[in-house]
Amino acid sequence: MTLNGTIQTVGFKDMHQEQVEALMLMTHAFLSLADGYEDEDIFEQAKEIAEDVVILFGGNGIEVKYEPIL
């Protein structure tokens, strides 16, 4: 994502802790659903979208750790 110009947003530091937790839960659910398609391209696109959202709210991005299913 490329931002043109300066924008003002509400950041994580301005949000109530429950709002931050809800956004993180939604991000986790979004990535879990994308993972369910078992398609790397779909998952990577979802990861990029989720990372953009976190950055828009003042975060540093996301880290994804792959865990094998046994």
N, C-alpha and C. Protein backbone atom coordinates (compact mmCIF):
# COMPACT_ATOMS: atom_id res chain seq x y z
N MET A 1 0.85 -1.17 0.00
CA MET A 1 0.00 0.00 0.00
C MET A 1 0.89 1.22 0.00
N THR A 2 0.51 2.20 -0.75
CA THR A 2 1.24 3.46 -0.81
C THR A 2 0.29 4.58 -0.42
N LEU A 3 0.72 5.37 0.56
CA LEU A 3 -0.10 6.50 0.98
C LEU A 3 0.35 7.75 0.25
N ASN A 4 -0.59 8.48 -0.27
CA ASN A 4 -0.29 9.75 -0.93
C ASN A 4 -0.62 10.88 0.02
N GLY A 5 0.41 11.54 0.51
CA GLY A 5 0.19 12.64 1.44
C GLY A 5 0.15 12.16 2.88
N THR A 6 -0.13 13.08 3.75
CA THR A 6 -0.19 12.80 5.17
C THR A 6 -1.64 12.55 5.57
N ILE A 7 -1.85 11.49 6.33
CA ILE A 7 -3.18 11.21 6.84
C ILE A 7 -3.13 11.17 8.36
N GLN A 8 -4.24 11.47 8.98
CA GLN A 8 -4.33 11.38 10.44
C GLN A 8 -5.24 10.22 10.78
N THR A 9 -4.76 9.35 11.64
CA THR A 9 -5.55 8.20 12.03
C THR A 9 -5.50 8.04 13.54
N VAL A 10 -6.41 7.25 14.06
CA VAL A 10 -6.36 6.85 15.46
C VAL A 10 -5.38 5.69 15.53
N GLY A 11 -4.41 5.78 16.40
CA GLY A 11 -3.41 4.73 16.52
C GLY A 11 -3.70 3.82 17.70
N PHE A 12 -2.92 2.74 17.78
CA PHE A 12 -3.07 1.79 18.88
C PHE A 12 -2.94 2.49 20.23
N LYS A 13 -2.02 3.45 20.32
CA LYS A 13 -1.80 4.13 21.60
C LYS A 13 -3.01 4.97 22.02
N ASP A 14 -3.86 5.32 21.06
CA ASP A 14 -5.05 6.12 21.35
C ASP A 14 -6.28 5.26 21.63
N MET A 15 -6.17 3.97 21.35
CA MET A 15 -7.31 3.08 21.47
C MET A 15 -7.36 2.43 22.85
N HIS A 16 -8.55 2.04 23.25
CA HIS A 16 -8.71 1.27 24.48
C HIS A 16 -8.11 -0.11 24.25
N GLN A 17 -7.56 -0.73 25.28
CA GLN A 17 -6.91 -2.02 25.16
C GLN A 17 -7.84 -3.08 24.57
N GLU A 18 -9.12 -3.02 24.91
CA GLU A 18 -10.07 -3.99 24.35
C GLU A 18 -10.25 -3.80 22.84
N GLN A 19 -10.14 -2.57 22.36
CA GLN A 19 -10.24 -2.31 20.93
C GLN A 19 -9.03 -2.91 20.21
N VAL A 20 -7.85 -2.74 20.79
CA VAL A 20 -6.64 -3.30 20.20
C VAL A 20 -6.75 -4.82 20.16
N GLU A 21 -7.17 -5.42 21.25
CA GLU A 21 -7.32 -6.87 21.31
C GLU A 21 -8.33 -7.38 20.29
N ALA A 22 -9.43 -6.66 20.12
CA ALA A 22 -10.45 -7.06 19.14
C ALA A 22 -9.89 -7.00 17.72
N LEU A 23 -9.13 -5.96 17.42
CA LEU A 23 -8.53 -5.85 16.09
C LEU A 23 -7.53 -6.98 15.85
N MET A 24 -6.76 -7.33 16.87
CA MET A 24 -5.80 -8.42 16.72
C MET A 24 -6.50 -9.77 16.57
N LEU A 25 -7.61 -9.96 17.29
CA LEU A 25 -8.39 -11.20 17.13
C LEU A 25 -8.98 -11.30 15.73
N MET A 26 -9.47 -10.18 15.21
CA MET A 26 -10.03 -10.18 13.87
C MET A 26 -8.92 -10.45 12.85
N THR A 27 -7.75 -9.89 13.05
CA THR A 27 -6.63 -10.14 12.15
C THR A 27 -6.25 -11.62 12.16
N HIS A 28 -6.21 -12.20 13.34
CA HIS A 28 -5.89 -13.63 13.46
C HIS A 28 -6.94 -14.48 12.75
N ALA A 29 -8.21 -14.15 12.94
CA ALA A 29 -9.29 -14.90 12.30
C ALA A 29 -9.21 -14.77 10.78
N PHE A 30 -8.92 -13.58 10.29
CA PHE A 30 -8.79 -13.32 8.86
C PHE A 30 -7.67 -14.17 8.26
N LEU A 31 -6.53 -14.21 8.94
CA LEU A 31 -5.41 -15.01 8.43
C LEU A 31 -5.69 -16.51 8.54
N SER A 32 -6.40 -16.91 9.58
CA SER A 32 -6.75 -18.33 9.72
C SER A 32 -7.69 -18.77 8.61
N LEU A 33 -8.65 -17.92 8.26
CA LEU A 33 -9.56 -18.23 7.16
C LEU A 33 -8.80 -18.32 5.83
N ALA A 34 -7.88 -17.38 5.62
CA ALA A 34 -7.08 -17.41 4.39
C ALA A 34 -6.23 -18.68 4.34
N ASP A 35 -5.71 -19.10 5.47
CA ASP A 35 -4.90 -20.31 5.53
C ASP A 35 -5.73 -21.54 5.19
N GLY A 36 -7.02 -21.50 5.51
CA GLY A 36 -7.91 -22.62 5.24
C GLY A 36 -8.06 -22.93 3.75
N TYR A 37 -7.77 -21.96 2.89
CA TYR A 37 -7.83 -22.20 1.44
C TYR A 37 -6.66 -23.04 0.95
N GLU A 38 -5.64 -23.17 1.78
CA GLU A 38 -4.44 -23.94 1.45
C GLU A 38 -3.86 -23.50 0.10
N ASP A 39 -3.85 -22.20 -0.11
CA ASP A 39 -3.29 -21.60 -1.33
C ASP A 39 -2.33 -20.49 -0.88
N GLU A 40 -1.05 -20.66 -1.20
CA GLU A 40 -0.04 -19.72 -0.73
C GLU A 40 -0.28 -18.30 -1.22
N ASP A 41 -0.76 -18.14 -2.45
CA ASP A 41 -1.02 -16.81 -2.99
C ASP A 41 -2.12 -16.10 -2.23
N ILE A 42 -3.19 -16.82 -1.92
CA ILE A 42 -4.29 -16.23 -1.15
C ILE A 42 -3.80 -15.82 0.23
N PHE A 43 -3.03 -16.70 0.87
CA PHE A 43 -2.53 -16.38 2.21
C PHE A 43 -1.61 -15.17 2.18
N GLU A 44 -0.72 -15.09 1.20
CA GLU A 44 0.21 -13.96 1.12
C GLU A 44 -0.54 -12.65 0.89
N GLN A 45 -1.59 -12.69 0.06
CA GLN A 45 -2.39 -11.49 -0.17
C GLN A 45 -3.08 -11.06 1.13
N ALA A 46 -3.64 -12.02 1.86
CA ALA A 46 -4.29 -11.72 3.14
C ALA A 46 -3.28 -11.16 4.13
N LYS A 47 -2.09 -11.73 4.17
CA LYS A 47 -1.04 -11.26 5.07
C LYS A 47 -0.67 -9.81 4.76
N GLU A 48 -0.54 -9.48 3.48
CA GLU A 48 -0.22 -8.11 3.09
C GLU A 48 -1.32 -7.14 3.53
N ILE A 49 -2.57 -7.53 3.36
CA ILE A 49 -3.69 -6.68 3.78
C ILE A 49 -3.67 -6.48 5.29
N ALA A 50 -3.49 -7.57 6.03
CA ALA A 50 -3.45 -7.49 7.49
C ALA A 50 -2.30 -6.62 7.96
N GLU A 51 -1.15 -6.75 7.32
CA GLU A 51 0.01 -5.94 7.69
C GLU A 51 -0.26 -4.46 7.43
N ASP A 52 -0.88 -4.15 6.31
CA ASP A 52 -1.22 -2.76 6.00
C ASP A 52 -2.14 -2.17 7.06
N VAL A 53 -3.11 -2.94 7.50
CA VAL A 53 -4.04 -2.46 8.54
C VAL A 53 -3.29 -2.16 9.83
N VAL A 54 -2.43 -3.08 10.24
CA VAL A 54 -1.67 -2.88 11.48
C VAL A 54 -0.78 -1.64 11.37
N ILE A 55 -0.15 -1.45 10.23
CA ILE A 55 0.70 -0.28 10.03
C ILE A 55 -0.13 1.00 10.05
N LEU A 56 -1.32 0.98 9.44
CA LEU A 56 -2.19 2.16 9.45
C LEU A 56 -2.57 2.58 10.87
N PHE A 57 -2.63 1.62 11.77
CA PHE A 57 -2.97 1.93 13.15
C PHE A 57 -1.73 2.20 14.00
N GLY A 58 -0.58 2.37 13.36
CA GLY A 58 0.62 2.75 14.08
C GLY A 58 1.51 1.61 14.51
N GLY A 59 1.18 0.40 14.10
CA GLY A 59 2.02 -0.74 14.44
C GLY A 59 3.20 -0.88 13.49
N ASN A 60 4.03 -1.86 13.76
CA ASN A 60 5.22 -2.10 12.94
C ASN A 60 5.01 -3.18 11.90
N GLY A 61 3.83 -3.75 11.82
CA GLY A 61 3.56 -4.84 10.89
C GLY A 61 3.22 -6.09 11.67
N ILE A 62 3.24 -7.22 10.98
CA ILE A 62 2.92 -8.49 11.63
C ILE A 62 4.01 -9.50 11.34
N GLU A 63 4.09 -10.50 12.18
CA GLU A 63 5.01 -11.60 11.98
C GLU A 63 4.19 -12.88 11.94
N VAL A 64 4.44 -13.69 10.92
CA VAL A 64 3.70 -14.94 10.76
C VAL A 64 4.67 -16.09 10.97
N LYS A 65 4.29 -17.01 11.85
CA LYS A 65 5.09 -18.20 12.08
C LYS A 65 4.28 -19.40 11.60
N TYR A 66 4.89 -20.16 10.72
CA TYR A 66 4.22 -21.35 10.21
C TYR A 66 4.46 -22.50 11.15
N GLU A 67 3.39 -23.20 11.50
CA GLU A 67 3.49 -24.37 12.37
C GLU A 67 2.95 -25.57 11.61
N PRO A 68 3.77 -26.59 11.47
CA PRO A 68 3.30 -27.78 10.74
C PRO A 68 2.17 -28.48 11.49
N ILE A 69 1.25 -29.01 10.73
CA ILE A 69 0.16 -29.80 11.32
C ILE A 69 0.59 -31.24 11.29
N LEU A 70 0.59 -31.86 12.45
CA LEU A 70 1.04 -33.26 12.54
C LEU A 70 -0.11 -34.22 12.48
